[in-house]
């Protein structure tokens, strides 16, 4: 392991700061815009809504995953924020009874179908 890899492991990747690191950085206004954009998108898609916590419930925690997106030349393109649930804290039978498969995006299906003729595949 190189010294740079060890430093990134100990201090965190500067392109993927924790929420607290981002909040203390000079780039916070950009991170905050990315966070607000993610929240607006979640609201728009009806993915979540804020509700009162039921009595005796243990909420599943979440965290922000912050990433700097760069182009092929390494130039910063945008700041990206995703709110992710820490699903590993769920308890079977208590927090959920069933599991569901994720839904594929239509863009992915179109991309795969576009590859079919070029690769001489059968659908």
PDB file of N, CA and C in Angstrom:
ATOM      1  N   UNK A   1       0.853  -1.181   0.000  1.00  0.00           N
ATOM      2  CA  UNK A   1       0.000   0.000   0.000  1.00  0.00           C
ATOM      3  C   UNK A   1       0.893   1.236   0.000  1.00  0.00           C
ATOM      4  N   UNK A   2       0.594   2.153  -0.923  1.00  0.00           N
ATOM      5  CA  UNK A   2       1.409   3.364  -1.029  1.00  0.00           C
ATOM      6  C   UNK A   2       1.078   4.333   0.103  1.00  0.00           C
ATOM      7  N   UNK A   3       1.948   5.303   0.301  1.00  0.00           N
ATOM      8  CA  UNK A   3       1.730   6.317   1.331  1.00  0.00           C
ATOM      9  C   UNK A   3       0.460   7.113   1.045  1.00  0.00           C
ATOM     10  N   UNK A   4       0.214   7.405  -0.259  1.00  0.00           N
ATOM     11  CA  UNK A   4      -0.996   8.153  -0.633  1.00  0.00           C
ATOM     12  C   UNK A   4      -2.259   7.352  -0.322  1.00  0.00           C
ATOM     13  N   UNK A   5      -2.227   6.039  -0.621  1.00  0.00           N
ATOM     14  CA  UNK A   5      -3.379   5.185  -0.329  1.00  0.00           C
ATOM     15  C   UNK A   5      -3.626   5.108   1.171  1.00  0.00           C
ATOM     16  N   UNK A   6      -2.555   5.001   1.951  1.00  0.00           N
ATOM     17  CA  UNK A   6      -2.677   4.952   3.402  1.00  0.00           C
ATOM     18  C   UNK A   6      -3.241   6.259   3.944  1.00  0.00           C
ATOM     19  N   UNK A   7      -2.787   7.379   3.415  1.00  0.00           N
ATOM     20  CA  UNK A   7      -3.297   8.686   3.835  1.00  0.00           C
ATOM     21  C   UNK A   7      -4.784   8.798   3.526  1.00  0.00           C
ATOM     22  N   UNK A   8      -5.194   8.388   2.300  1.00  0.00           N
ATOM     23  CA  UNK A   8      -6.611   8.423   1.932  1.00  0.00           C
ATOM     24  C   UNK A   8      -7.444   7.533   2.828  1.00  0.00           C
ATOM     25  N   UNK A   9      -6.900   6.377   3.201  1.00  0.00           N
ATOM     26  CA  UNK A   9      -7.616   5.460   4.074  1.00  0.00           C
ATOM     27  C   UNK A   9      -7.823   6.067   5.449  1.00  0.00           C
ATOM     28  N   UNK A  10      -6.784   6.711   5.977  1.00  0.00           N
ATOM     29  CA  UNK A  10      -6.852   7.289   7.315  1.00  0.00           C
ATOM     30  C   UNK A  10      -7.638   8.592   7.351  1.00  0.00           C
ATOM     31  N   UNK A  11      -7.445   9.439   6.362  1.00  0.00           N
ATOM     32  CA  UNK A  11      -8.069  10.758   6.365  1.00  0.00           C
ATOM     33  C   UNK A  11      -9.340  10.812   5.529  1.00  0.00           C
ATOM     34  N   UNK A  12      -9.567   9.839   4.696  1.00  0.00           N
ATOM     35  CA  UNK A  12     -10.712   9.865   3.805  1.00  0.00           C
ATOM     36  C   UNK A  12     -10.311  10.421   2.455  1.00  0.00           C
ATOM     37  N   UNK A  13     -11.034  10.039   1.451  1.00  0.00           N
ATOM     38  CA  UNK A  13     -10.781  10.497   0.088  1.00  0.00           C
ATOM     39  C   UNK A  13     -11.252  11.945  -0.035  1.00  0.00           C
ATOM     40  N   UNK A  14     -10.385  12.868  -0.470  1.00  0.00           N
ATOM     41  CA  UNK A  14     -10.805  14.265  -0.588  1.00  0.00           C
ATOM     42  C   UNK A  14     -11.924  14.462  -1.605  1.00  0.00           C
ATOM     43  N   UNK A  15     -12.072  13.521  -2.544  1.00  0.00           N
ATOM     44  CA  UNK A  15     -13.157  13.619  -3.513  1.00  0.00           C
ATOM     45  C   UNK A  15     -14.444  12.997  -2.992  1.00  0.00           C
ATOM     46  N   UNK A  16     -14.389  12.352  -1.816  1.00  0.00           N
ATOM     47  CA  UNK A  16     -15.573  11.783  -1.184  1.00  0.00           C
ATOM     48  C   UNK A  16     -15.547  12.101   0.313  1.00  0.00           C
ATOM     49  N   UNK A  17     -15.759  13.362   0.663  1.00  0.00           N
ATOM     50  CA  UNK A  17     -15.692  13.729   2.078  1.00  0.00           C
ATOM     51  C   UNK A  17     -16.930  13.248   2.840  1.00  0.00           C
ATOM     52  N   UNK A  18     -16.785  13.152   4.149  1.00  0.00           N
ATOM     53  CA  UNK A  18     -17.959  12.907   4.980  1.00  0.00           C
ATOM     54  C   UNK A  18     -18.771  14.201   5.020  1.00  0.00           C
ATOM     55  N   UNK A  19     -19.996  14.111   5.517  1.00  0.00           N
ATOM     56  CA  UNK A  19     -20.843  15.296   5.620  1.00  0.00           C
ATOM     57  C   UNK A  19     -20.157  16.372   6.462  1.00  0.00           C
ATOM     58  N   UNK A  20     -19.595  15.965   7.614  1.00  0.00           N
ATOM     59  CA  UNK A  20     -18.942  16.930   8.503  1.00  0.00           C
ATOM     60  C   UNK A  20     -17.719  17.569   7.849  1.00  0.00           C
ATOM     61  N   UNK A  21     -16.940  16.772   7.116  1.00  0.00           N
ATOM     62  CA  UNK A  21     -15.781  17.327   6.410  1.00  0.00           C
ATOM     63  C   UNK A  21     -16.232  18.325   5.346  1.00  0.00           C
ATOM     64  N   UNK A  22     -17.281  17.981   4.620  1.00  0.00           N
ATOM     65  CA  UNK A  22     -17.787  18.873   3.575  1.00  0.00           C
ATOM     66  C   UNK A  22     -18.298  20.173   4.182  1.00  0.00           C
ATOM     67  N   UNK A  23     -18.985  20.060   5.306  1.00  0.00           N
ATOM     68  CA  UNK A  23     -19.556  21.248   5.944  1.00  0.00           C
ATOM     69  C   UNK A  23     -18.482  22.220   6.421  1.00  0.00           C
ATOM     70  N   UNK A  24     -17.325  21.700   6.767  1.00  0.00           N
ATOM     71  CA  UNK A  24     -16.229  22.542   7.249  1.00  0.00           C
ATOM     72  C   UNK A  24     -15.322  23.034   6.128  1.00  0.00           C
ATOM     73  N   UNK A  25     -15.560  22.556   4.902  1.00  0.00           N
ATOM     74  CA  UNK A  25     -14.681  22.928   3.797  1.00  0.00           C
ATOM     75  C   UNK A  25     -15.149  24.221   3.121  1.00  0.00           C
ATOM     76  N   UNK A  26     -14.253  24.791   2.344  1.00  0.00           N
ATOM     77  CA  UNK A  26     -14.589  25.990   1.569  1.00  0.00           C
ATOM     78  C   UNK A  26     -15.567  25.661   0.450  1.00  0.00           C
ATOM     79  N   UNK A  27     -15.688  24.383   0.114  1.00  0.00           N
ATOM     80  CA  UNK A  27     -16.590  23.955  -0.955  1.00  0.00           C
ATOM     81  C   UNK A  27     -18.017  23.709  -0.462  1.00  0.00           C
ATOM     82  N   UNK A  28     -18.297  23.990   0.809  1.00  0.00           N
ATOM     83  CA  UNK A  28     -19.608  23.714   1.374  1.00  0.00           C
ATOM     84  C   UNK A  28     -20.772  24.270   0.545  1.00  0.00           C
ATOM     85  N   UNK A  29     -20.709  25.494   0.013  1.00  0.00           N
ATOM     86  CA  UNK A  29     -21.850  25.973  -0.793  1.00  0.00           C
ATOM     87  C   UNK A  29     -22.166  25.048  -1.971  1.00  0.00           C
ATOM     88  N   UNK A  30     -21.151  24.466  -2.601  1.00  0.00           N
ATOM     89  CA  UNK A  30     -21.380  23.537  -3.715  1.00  0.00           C
ATOM     90  C   UNK A  30     -21.977  22.225  -3.218  1.00  0.00           C
ATOM     91  N   UNK A  31     -21.469  21.723  -2.093  1.00  0.00           N
ATOM     92  CA  UNK A  31     -22.019  20.495  -1.519  1.00  0.00           C
ATOM     93  C   UNK A  31     -23.464  20.705  -1.092  1.00  0.00           C
ATOM     94  N   UNK A  32     -23.735  21.878  -0.516  1.00  0.00           N
ATOM     95  CA  UNK A  32     -25.107  22.171  -0.063  1.00  0.00           C
ATOM     96  C   UNK A  32     -26.068  22.219  -1.251  1.00  0.00           C
ATOM     97  N   UNK A  33     -25.648  22.785  -2.383  1.00  0.00           N
ATOM     98  CA  UNK A  33     -26.478  22.791  -3.593  1.00  0.00           C
ATOM     99  C   UNK A  33     -26.769  21.367  -4.050  1.00  0.00           C
ATOM    100  N   UNK A  34     -25.749  20.499  -4.001  1.00  0.00           N
ATOM    101  CA  UNK A  34     -25.918  19.099  -4.411  1.00  0.00           C
ATOM    102  C   UNK A  34     -26.900  18.383  -3.480  1.00  0.00           C
ATOM    103  N   UNK A  35     -26.813  18.659  -2.187  1.00  0.00           N
ATOM    104  CA  UNK A  35     -27.716  18.048  -1.209  1.00  0.00           C
ATOM    105  C   UNK A  35     -29.146  18.524  -1.442  1.00  0.00           C
ATOM    106  N   UNK A  36     -29.324  19.835  -1.650  1.00  0.00           N
ATOM    107  CA  UNK A  36     -30.666  20.374  -1.900  1.00  0.00           C
ATOM    108  C   UNK A  36     -31.247  19.808  -3.196  1.00  0.00           C
ATOM    109  N   UNK A  37     -30.408  19.622  -4.196  1.00  0.00           N
ATOM    110  CA  UNK A  37     -30.850  19.041  -5.458  1.00  0.00           C
ATOM    111  C   UNK A  37     -31.334  17.603  -5.254  1.00  0.00           C
ATOM    112  N   UNK A  38     -30.586  16.833  -4.477  1.00  0.00           N
ATOM    113  CA  UNK A  38     -30.977  15.436  -4.186  1.00  0.00           C
ATOM    114  C   UNK A  38     -32.297  15.395  -3.417  1.00  0.00           C
ATOM    115  N   UNK A  39     -32.455  16.253  -2.417  1.00  0.00           N
ATOM    116  CA  UNK A  39     -33.705  16.287  -1.645  1.00  0.00           C
ATOM    117  C   UNK A  39     -34.885  16.682  -2.528  1.00  0.00           C
ATOM    118  N   UNK A  40     -34.671  17.653  -3.413  1.00  0.00           N
ATOM    119  CA  UNK A  40     -35.742  18.076  -4.328  1.00  0.00           C
ATOM    120  C   UNK A  40     -36.132  16.924  -5.252  1.00  0.00           C
ATOM    121  N   UNK A  41     -35.142  16.188  -5.736  1.00  0.00           N
ATOM    122  CA  UNK A  41     -35.424  15.054  -6.619  1.00  0.00           C
ATOM    123  C   UNK A  41     -36.191  13.961  -5.876  1.00  0.00           C
ATOM    124  N   UNK A  42     -35.828  13.685  -4.635  1.00  0.00           N
ATOM    125  CA  UNK A  42     -36.539  12.676  -3.845  1.00  0.00           C
ATOM    126  C   UNK A  42     -37.990  13.098  -3.615  1.00  0.00           C
ATOM    127  N   UNK A  43     -38.201  14.381  -3.323  1.00  0.00           N
ATOM    128  CA  UNK A  43     -39.570  14.888  -3.138  1.00  0.00           C
ATOM    129  C   UNK A  43     -40.370  14.785  -4.431  1.00  0.00           C
ATOM    130  N   UNK A  44     -39.745  15.206  -5.531  1.00  0.00           N
ATOM    131  CA  UNK A  44     -40.402  15.210  -6.842  1.00  0.00           C
ATOM    132  C   UNK A  44     -40.848  13.811  -7.254  1.00  0.00           C
ATOM    133  N   UNK A  45     -40.018  12.824  -6.980  1.00  0.00           N
ATOM    134  CA  UNK A  45     -40.336  11.451  -7.367  1.00  0.00           C
ATOM    135  C   UNK A  45     -41.216  10.744  -6.335  1.00  0.00           C
ATOM    136  N   UNK A  46     -41.499  11.400  -5.220  1.00  0.00           N
ATOM    137  CA  UNK A  46     -42.339  10.792  -4.189  1.00  0.00           C
ATOM    138  C   UNK A  46     -41.659   9.627  -3.484  1.00  0.00           C
ATOM    139  N   UNK A  47     -40.336   9.654  -3.447  1.00  0.00           N
ATOM    140  CA  UNK A  47     -39.566   8.563  -2.875  1.00  0.00           C
ATOM    141  C   UNK A  47     -39.701   8.489  -1.355  1.00  0.00           C
ATOM    142  N   UNK A  48     -39.856   9.614  -0.716  1.00  0.00           N
ATOM    143  CA  UNK A  48     -39.960   9.614   0.737  1.00  0.00           C
ATOM    144  C   UNK A  48     -40.806  10.782   1.211  1.00  0.00           C
ATOM    145  N   UNK A  49     -41.266  10.674   2.424  1.00  0.00           N
ATOM    146  CA  UNK A  49     -41.949  11.794   3.065  1.00  0.00           C
ATOM    147  C   UNK A  49     -41.623  11.746   4.553  1.00  0.00           C
ATOM    148  N   UNK A  50     -41.621  12.893   5.168  1.00  0.00           N
ATOM    149  CA  UNK A  50     -41.307  13.004   6.575  1.00  0.00           C
ATOM    150  C   UNK A  50     -42.556  12.655   7.385  1.00  0.00           C
ATOM    151  N   UNK A  51     -42.422  11.736   8.326  1.00  0.00           N
ATOM    152  CA  UNK A  51     -43.545  11.306   9.158  1.00  0.00           C
ATOM    153  C   UNK A  51     -43.111  11.273  10.616  1.00  0.00           C
ATOM    154  N   UNK A  52     -44.077  11.219  11.502  1.00  0.00           N
ATOM    155  CA  UNK A  52     -43.776  11.069  12.925  1.00  0.00           C
ATOM    156  C   UNK A  52     -43.283   9.654  13.181  1.00  0.00           C
ATOM    157  N   UNK A  53     -42.321   9.513  14.059  1.00  0.00           N
ATOM    158  CA  UNK A  53     -41.792   8.196  14.408  1.00  0.00           C
ATOM    159  C   UNK A  53     -42.805   7.470  15.283  1.00  0.00           C
ATOM    160  N   UNK A  54     -43.172   6.237  14.893  1.00  0.00           N
ATOM    161  CA  UNK A  54     -44.093   5.460  15.734  1.00  0.00           C
ATOM    162  C   UNK A  54     -43.457   5.165  17.100  1.00  0.00           C
ATOM    163  N   UNK A  55     -44.306   5.045  18.105  1.00  0.00           N
ATOM    164  CA  UNK A  55     -43.831   4.761  19.453  1.00  0.00           C
ATOM    165  C   UNK A  55     -43.069   3.433  19.459  1.00  0.00           C
ATOM    166  N   UNK A  56     -41.988   3.362  20.167  1.00  0.00           N
ATOM    167  CA  UNK A  56     -41.132   2.178  20.310  1.00  0.00           C
ATOM    168  C   UNK A  56     -40.406   1.773  19.029  1.00  0.00           C
ATOM    169  N   UNK A  57     -40.428   2.601  17.996  1.00  0.00           N
ATOM    170  CA  UNK A  57     -39.732   2.276  16.748  1.00  0.00           C
ATOM    171  C   UNK A  57     -38.270   2.704  16.842  1.00  0.00           C
ATOM    172  N   UNK A  58     -37.413   1.934  16.196  1.00  0.00           N
ATOM    173  CA  UNK A  58     -36.000   2.296  16.089  1.00  0.00           C
ATOM    174  C   UNK A  58     -35.770   2.649  14.628  1.00  0.00           C
ATOM    175  N   UNK A  59     -35.612   3.937  14.316  1.00  0.00           N
ATOM    176  CA  UNK A  59     -35.461   4.338  12.916  1.00  0.00           C
ATOM    177  C   UNK A  59     -34.184   3.791  12.284  1.00  0.00           C
ATOM    178  N   UNK A  60     -34.252   3.541  10.993  1.00  0.00           N
ATOM    179  CA  UNK A  60     -33.079   3.129  10.233  1.00  0.00           C
ATOM    180  C   UNK A  60     -32.305   4.400   9.915  1.00  0.00           C
ATOM    181  N   UNK A  61     -31.033   4.403  10.238  1.00  0.00           N
ATOM    182  CA  UNK A  61     -30.242   5.610  10.018  1.00  0.00           C
ATOM    183  C   UNK A  61     -29.900   5.764   8.541  1.00  0.00           C
ATOM    184  N   UNK A  62     -29.412   6.938   8.213  1.00  0.00           N
ATOM    185  CA  UNK A  62     -28.996   7.214   6.834  1.00  0.00           C
ATOM    186  C   UNK A  62     -27.724   8.045   6.866  1.00  0.00           C
ATOM    187  N   UNK A  63     -27.147   8.218   5.699  1.00  0.00           N
ATOM    188  CA  UNK A  63     -25.968   9.076   5.619  1.00  0.00           C
ATOM    189  C   UNK A  63     -25.878   9.663   4.219  1.00  0.00           C
ATOM    190  N   UNK A  64     -25.149  10.751   4.114  1.00  0.00           N
ATOM    191  CA  UNK A  64     -24.905  11.385   2.822  1.00  0.00           C
ATOM    192  C   UNK A  64     -23.624  10.818   2.226  1.00  0.00           C
ATOM    193  N   UNK A  65     -23.707  10.420   0.953  1.00  0.00           N
ATOM    194  CA  UNK A  65     -22.523  10.017   0.196  1.00  0.00           C
ATOM    195  C   UNK A  65     -22.248  11.153  -0.778  1.00  0.00           C
ATOM    196  N   UNK A  66     -21.124  11.804  -0.595  1.00  0.00           N
ATOM    197  CA  UNK A  66     -20.762  12.978  -1.387  1.00  0.00           C
ATOM    198  C   UNK A  66     -19.604  12.619  -2.311  1.00  0.00           C
ATOM    199  N   UNK A  67     -19.754  12.952  -3.578  1.00  0.00           N
ATOM    200  CA  UNK A  67     -18.736  12.593  -4.570  1.00  0.00           C
ATOM    201  C   UNK A  67     -18.521  13.741  -5.543  1.00  0.00           C
ATOM    202  N   UNK A  68     -17.269  13.967  -5.887  1.00  0.00           N
ATOM    203  CA  UNK A  68     -16.946  14.930  -6.947  1.00  0.00           C
ATOM    204  C   UNK A  68     -16.858  14.152  -8.246  1.00  0.00           C
ATOM    205  N   UNK A  69     -17.603  14.562  -9.252  1.00  0.00           N
ATOM    206  CA  UNK A  69     -17.587  13.916 -10.558  1.00  0.00           C
ATOM    207  C   UNK A  69     -16.664  14.699 -11.481  1.00  0.00           C
ATOM    208  N   UNK A  70     -15.751  13.980 -12.131  1.00  0.00           N
ATOM    209  CA  UNK A  70     -14.780  14.613 -13.028  1.00  0.00           C
ATOM    210  C   UNK A  70     -14.892  14.037 -14.438  1.00  0.00           C
ATOM    211  N   UNK A  71     -14.452  14.805 -15.428  1.00  0.00           N
ATOM    212  CA  UNK A  71     -14.448  14.318 -16.814  1.00  0.00           C
ATOM    213  C   UNK A  71     -13.169  13.514 -17.058  1.00  0.00           C
ATOM    214  N   UNK A  72     -12.955  13.095 -18.300  1.00  0.00           N
ATOM    215  CA  UNK A  72     -11.806  12.249 -18.640  1.00  0.00           C
ATOM    216  C   UNK A  72     -10.466  12.922 -18.366  1.00  0.00           C
ATOM    217  N   UNK A  73     -10.438  14.246 -18.450  1.00  0.00           N
ATOM    218  CA  UNK A  73      -9.198  14.984 -18.217  1.00  0.00           C
ATOM    219  C   UNK A  73      -8.968  15.272 -16.738  1.00  0.00           C
ATOM    220  N   UNK A  74      -9.907  14.887 -15.882  1.00  0.00           N
ATOM    221  CA  UNK A  74      -9.764  15.127 -14.453  1.00  0.00           C
ATOM    222  C   UNK A  74     -10.313  16.464 -13.990  1.00  0.00           C
ATOM    223  N   UNK A  75     -11.028  17.170 -14.878  1.00  0.00           N
ATOM    224  CA  UNK A  75     -11.626  18.454 -14.502  1.00  0.00           C
ATOM    225  C   UNK A  75     -12.936  18.213 -13.763  1.00  0.00           C
ATOM    226  N   UNK A  76     -13.136  18.950 -12.701  1.00  0.00           N
ATOM    227  CA  UNK A  76     -14.351  18.818 -11.898  1.00  0.00           C
ATOM    228  C   UNK A  76     -15.567  19.209 -12.728  1.00  0.00           C
ATOM    229  N   UNK A  77     -16.533  18.311 -12.814  1.00  0.00           N
ATOM    230  CA  UNK A  77     -17.751  18.553 -13.587  1.00  0.00           C
ATOM    231  C   UNK A  77     -18.887  18.967 -12.669  1.00  0.00           C
ATOM    232  N   UNK A  78     -19.067  18.205 -11.561  1.00  0.00           N
ATOM    233  CA  UNK A  78     -20.135  18.558 -10.627  1.00  0.00           C
ATOM    234  C   UNK A  78     -19.928  17.904  -9.280  1.00  0.00           C
ATOM    235  N   UNK A  79     -20.645  18.423  -8.302  1.00  0.00           N
ATOM    236  CA  UNK A  79     -20.689  17.849  -6.972  1.00  0.00           C
ATOM    237  C   UNK A  79     -21.969  17.031  -6.906  1.00  0.00           C
ATOM    238  N   UNK A  80     -21.858  15.797  -6.422  1.00  0.00           N
ATOM    239  CA  UNK A  80     -23.014  14.908  -6.389  1.00  0.00           C
ATOM    240  C   UNK A  80     -23.241  14.439  -4.962  1.00  0.00           C
ATOM    241  N   UNK A  81     -24.501  14.451  -4.532  1.00  0.00           N
ATOM    242  CA  UNK A  81     -24.862  14.000  -3.191  1.00  0.00           C
ATOM    243  C   UNK A  81     -25.971  12.959  -3.296  1.00  0.00           C
ATOM    244  N   UNK A  82     -25.853  11.891  -2.533  1.00  0.00           N
ATOM    245  CA  UNK A  82     -26.879  10.859  -2.472  1.00  0.00           C
ATOM    246  C   UNK A  82     -27.162  10.549  -1.014  1.00  0.00           C
ATOM    247  N   UNK A  83     -28.439  10.470  -0.685  1.00  0.00           N
ATOM    248  CA  UNK A  83     -28.863  10.091   0.657  1.00  0.00           C
ATOM    249  C   UNK A  83     -29.122   8.597   0.636  1.00  0.00           C
ATOM    250  N   UNK A  84     -28.386   7.850   1.445  1.00  0.00           N
ATOM    251  CA  UNK A  84     -28.530   6.400   1.454  1.00  0.00           C
ATOM    252  C   UNK A  84     -28.941   5.908   2.836  1.00  0.00           C
ATOM    253  N   UNK A  85     -29.815   4.907   2.836  1.00  0.00           N
ATOM    254  CA  UNK A  85     -30.237   4.279   4.090  1.00  0.00           C
ATOM    255  C   UNK A  85     -29.197   3.254   4.501  1.00  0.00           C
ATOM    256  N   UNK A  86     -28.990   3.140   5.764  1.00  0.00           N
ATOM    257  CA  UNK A  86     -28.079   2.119   6.296  1.00  0.00           C
ATOM    258  C   UNK A  86     -28.909   0.867   6.564  1.00  0.00           C
ATOM    259  N   UNK A  87     -29.228   0.178   5.472  1.00  0.00           N
ATOM    260  CA  UNK A  87     -30.117  -0.971   5.538  1.00  0.00           C
ATOM    261  C   UNK A  87     -29.616  -2.110   6.386  1.00  0.00           C
ATOM    262  N   UNK A  88     -28.320  -2.146   6.660  1.00  0.00           N
ATOM    263  CA  UNK A  88     -27.768  -3.229   7.474  1.00  0.00           C
ATOM    264  C   UNK A  88     -28.291  -3.204   8.903  1.00  0.00           C
ATOM    265  N   UNK A  89     -28.957  -2.106   9.299  1.00  0.00           N
ATOM    266  CA  UNK A  89     -29.504  -2.034  10.658  1.00  0.00           C
ATOM    267  C   UNK A  89     -30.922  -2.589  10.739  1.00  0.00           C
ATOM    268  N   UNK A  90     -31.493  -2.984   9.604  1.00  0.00           N
ATOM    269  CA  UNK A  90     -32.850  -3.535   9.603  1.00  0.00           C
ATOM    270  C   UNK A  90     -32.869  -4.912  10.245  1.00  0.00           C
ATOM    271  N   UNK A  91     -34.026  -5.232  10.850  1.00  0.00           N
ATOM    272  CA  UNK A  91     -34.192  -6.529  11.491  1.00  0.00           C
ATOM    273  C   UNK A  91     -35.335  -7.283  10.811  1.00  0.00           C
ATOM    274  N   UNK A  92     -35.044  -8.480  10.256  1.00  0.00           N
ATOM    275  CA  UNK A  92     -36.094  -9.259   9.591  1.00  0.00           C
ATOM    276  C   UNK A  92     -37.254  -9.548  10.541  1.00  0.00           C
ATOM    277  N   UNK A  93     -38.480  -9.432  10.011  1.00  0.00           N
ATOM    278  CA  UNK A  93     -39.663  -9.686  10.813  1.00  0.00           C
ATOM    279  C   UNK A  93     -40.099  -8.505  11.645  1.00  0.00           C
ATOM    280  N   UNK A  94     -39.205  -7.579  11.878  1.00  0.00           N
ATOM    281  CA  UNK A  94     -39.554  -6.391  12.664  1.00  0.00           C
ATOM    282  C   UNK A  94     -39.610  -5.153  11.773  1.00  0.00           C
ATOM    283  N   UNK A  95     -38.570  -4.945  10.978  1.00  0.00           N
ATOM    284  CA  UNK A  95     -38.515  -3.789  10.092  1.00  0.00           C
ATOM    285  C   UNK A  95     -39.055  -4.099   8.702  1.00  0.00           C
ATOM    286  N   UNK A  96     -39.070  -5.368   8.340  1.00  0.00           N
ATOM    287  CA  UNK A  96     -39.584  -5.758   7.033  1.00  0.00           C
ATOM    288  C   UNK A  96     -39.995  -7.223   7.053  1.00  0.00           C
ATOM    289  N   UNK A  97     -40.959  -7.550   6.189  1.00  0.00           N
ATOM    290  CA  UNK A  97     -41.401  -8.929   6.040  1.00  0.00           C
ATOM    291  C   UNK A  97     -41.072  -9.462   4.655  1.00  0.00           C
ATOM    292  N   UNK A  98     -40.988  -8.557   3.688  1.00  0.00           N
ATOM    293  CA  UNK A  98     -40.731  -8.959   2.314  1.00  0.00           C
ATOM    294  C   UNK A  98     -39.545  -8.166   1.773  1.00  0.00           C
ATOM    295  N   UNK A  99     -38.937  -8.709   0.736  1.00  0.00           N
ATOM    296  CA  UNK A  99     -37.899  -7.968   0.042  1.00  0.00           C
ATOM    297  C   UNK A  99     -38.334  -7.785  -1.400  1.00  0.00           C
ATOM    298  N   UNK A 100     -37.845  -6.741  -2.021  1.00  0.00           N
ATOM    299  CA  UNK A 100     -38.224  -6.416  -3.384  1.00  0.00           C
ATOM    300  C   UNK A 100     -36.979  -6.220  -4.230  1.00  0.00           C
ATOM    301  N   UNK A 101     -37.084  -6.559  -5.494  1.00  0.00           N
ATOM    302  CA  UNK A 101     -35.987  -6.318  -6.417  1.00  0.00           C
ATOM    303  C   UNK A 101     -35.988  -4.860  -6.829  1.00  0.00           C
ATOM    304  N   UNK A 102     -34.823  -4.278  -7.056  1.00  0.00           N
ATOM    305  CA  UNK A 102     -34.793  -2.897  -7.539  1.00  0.00           C
ATOM    306  C   UNK A 102     -35.382  -2.812  -8.949  1.00  0.00           C
ATOM    307  N   UNK A 103     -35.868  -1.658  -9.287  1.00  0.00           N
ATOM    308  CA  UNK A 103     -36.465  -1.431 -10.605  1.00  0.00           C
ATOM    309  C   UNK A 103     -35.383  -0.918 -11.548  1.00  0.00           C
ATOM    310  N   UNK A 104     -35.320  -1.514 -12.737  1.00  0.00           N
ATOM    311  CA  UNK A 104     -34.326  -1.106 -13.716  1.00  0.00           C
ATOM    312  C   UNK A 104     -34.779   0.186 -14.404  1.00  0.00           C
ATOM    313  N   UNK A 105     -33.840   1.027 -14.747  1.00  0.00           N
ATOM    314  CA  UNK A 105     -34.161   2.268 -15.445  1.00  0.00           C
ATOM    315  C   UNK A 105     -34.322   1.990 -16.933  1.00  0.00           C
ATOM    316  N   UNK A 106     -35.221   2.712 -17.569  1.00  0.00           N
ATOM    317  CA  UNK A 106     -35.471   2.517 -18.994  1.00  0.00           C
ATOM    318  C   UNK A 106     -34.230   2.824 -19.834  1.00  0.00           C
ATOM    319  N   UNK A 107     -33.404   3.758 -19.369  1.00  0.00           N
ATOM    320  CA  UNK A 107     -32.185   4.088 -20.088  1.00  0.00           C
ATOM    321  C   UNK A 107     -31.273   2.864 -20.179  1.00  0.00           C
ATOM    322  N   UNK A 108     -31.242   2.067 -19.101  1.00  0.00           N
ATOM    323  CA  UNK A 108     -30.412   0.868 -19.081  1.00  0.00           C
ATOM    324  C   UNK A 108     -30.932  -0.165 -20.076  1.00  0.00           C
ATOM    325  N   UNK A 109     -32.241  -0.350 -20.096  1.00  0.00           N
ATOM    326  CA  UNK A 109     -32.839  -1.298 -21.041  1.00  0.00           C
ATOM    327  C   UNK A 109     -32.549  -0.870 -22.474  1.00  0.00           C
ATOM    328  N   UNK A 110     -32.726   0.418 -22.766  1.00  0.00           N
ATOM    329  CA  UNK A 110     -32.457   0.918 -24.117  1.00  0.00           C
ATOM    330  C   UNK A 110     -30.998   0.707 -24.503  1.00  0.00           C
ATOM    331  N   UNK A 111     -30.096   0.949 -23.567  1.00  0.00           N
ATOM    332  CA  UNK A 111     -28.668   0.770 -23.857  1.00  0.00           C
ATOM    333  C   UNK A 111     -28.359  -0.695 -24.151  1.00  0.00           C
ATOM    334  N   UNK A 112     -28.932  -1.595 -23.374  1.00  0.00           N
ATOM    335  CA  UNK A 112     -28.699  -3.021 -23.608  1.00  0.00           C
ATOM    336  C   UNK A 112     -29.287  -3.470 -24.940  1.00  0.00           C
ATOM    337  N   UNK A 113     -30.496  -3.003 -25.254  1.00  0.00           N
ATOM    338  CA  UNK A 113     -31.114  -3.366 -26.522  1.00  0.00           C
ATOM    339  C   UNK A 113     -30.349  -2.794 -27.709  1.00  0.00           C
ATOM    340  N   UNK A 114     -29.732  -1.640 -27.535  1.00  0.00           N
ATOM    341  CA  UNK A 114     -28.943  -1.042 -28.613  1.00  0.00           C
ATOM    342  C   UNK A 114     -27.698  -1.870 -28.915  1.00  0.00           C
ATOM    343  N   UNK A 115     -27.218  -2.629 -27.943  1.00  0.00           N
ATOM    344  CA  UNK A 115     -26.031  -3.464 -28.124  1.00  0.00           C
ATOM    345  C   UNK A 115     -26.354  -4.776 -28.832  1.00  0.00           C
ATOM    346  N   UNK A 116     -27.611  -5.184 -28.856  1.00  0.00           N
ATOM    347  CA  UNK A 116     -28.000  -6.484 -29.407  1.00  0.00           C
ATOM    348  C   UNK A 116     -27.566  -6.664 -30.864  1.00  0.00           C
ATOM    349  N   UNK A 117     -27.893  -5.756 -31.800  1.00  0.00           N
ATOM    350  CA  UNK A 117     -27.515  -5.998 -33.197  1.00  0.00           C
ATOM    351  C   UNK A 117     -26.002  -6.024 -33.393  1.00  0.00           C
ATOM    352  N   UNK A 118     -25.283  -5.141 -32.743  1.00  0.00           N
ATOM    353  CA  UNK A 118     -23.836  -5.063 -32.916  1.00  0.00           C
ATOM    354  C   UNK A 118     -23.105  -6.295 -32.412  1.00  0.00           C
ATOM    355  N   UNK A 119     -23.635  -6.916 -31.378  1.00  0.00           N
ATOM    356  CA  UNK A 119     -23.009  -8.113 -30.796  1.00  0.00           C
ATOM    357  C   UNK A 119     -23.666  -9.402 -31.293  1.00  0.00           C
ATOM    358  N   UNK A 120     -24.647  -9.243 -32.203  1.00  0.00           N
ATOM    359  CA  UNK A 120     -25.380 -10.389 -32.776  1.00  0.00           C
ATOM    360  C   UNK A 120     -25.963 -11.279 -31.686  1.00  0.00           C
ATOM    361  N   UNK A 121     -26.630 -10.615 -30.725  1.00  0.00           N
ATOM    362  CA  UNK A 121     -27.253 -11.328 -29.623  1.00  0.00           C
ATOM    363  C   UNK A 121     -28.729 -11.586 -29.922  1.00  0.00           C
ATOM    364  N   UNK A 122     -29.331 -12.482 -29.170  1.00  0.00           N
ATOM    365  CA  UNK A 122     -30.761 -12.744 -29.278  1.00  0.00           C
ATOM    366  C   UNK A 122     -31.427 -12.245 -28.007  1.00  0.00           C
ATOM    367  N   UNK A 123     -32.587 -11.635 -28.175  1.00  0.00           N
ATOM    368  CA  UNK A 123     -33.324 -11.126 -27.016  1.00  0.00           C
ATOM    369  C   UNK A 123     -34.385 -12.141 -26.642  1.00  0.00           C
TER     370      UNK A 123
END
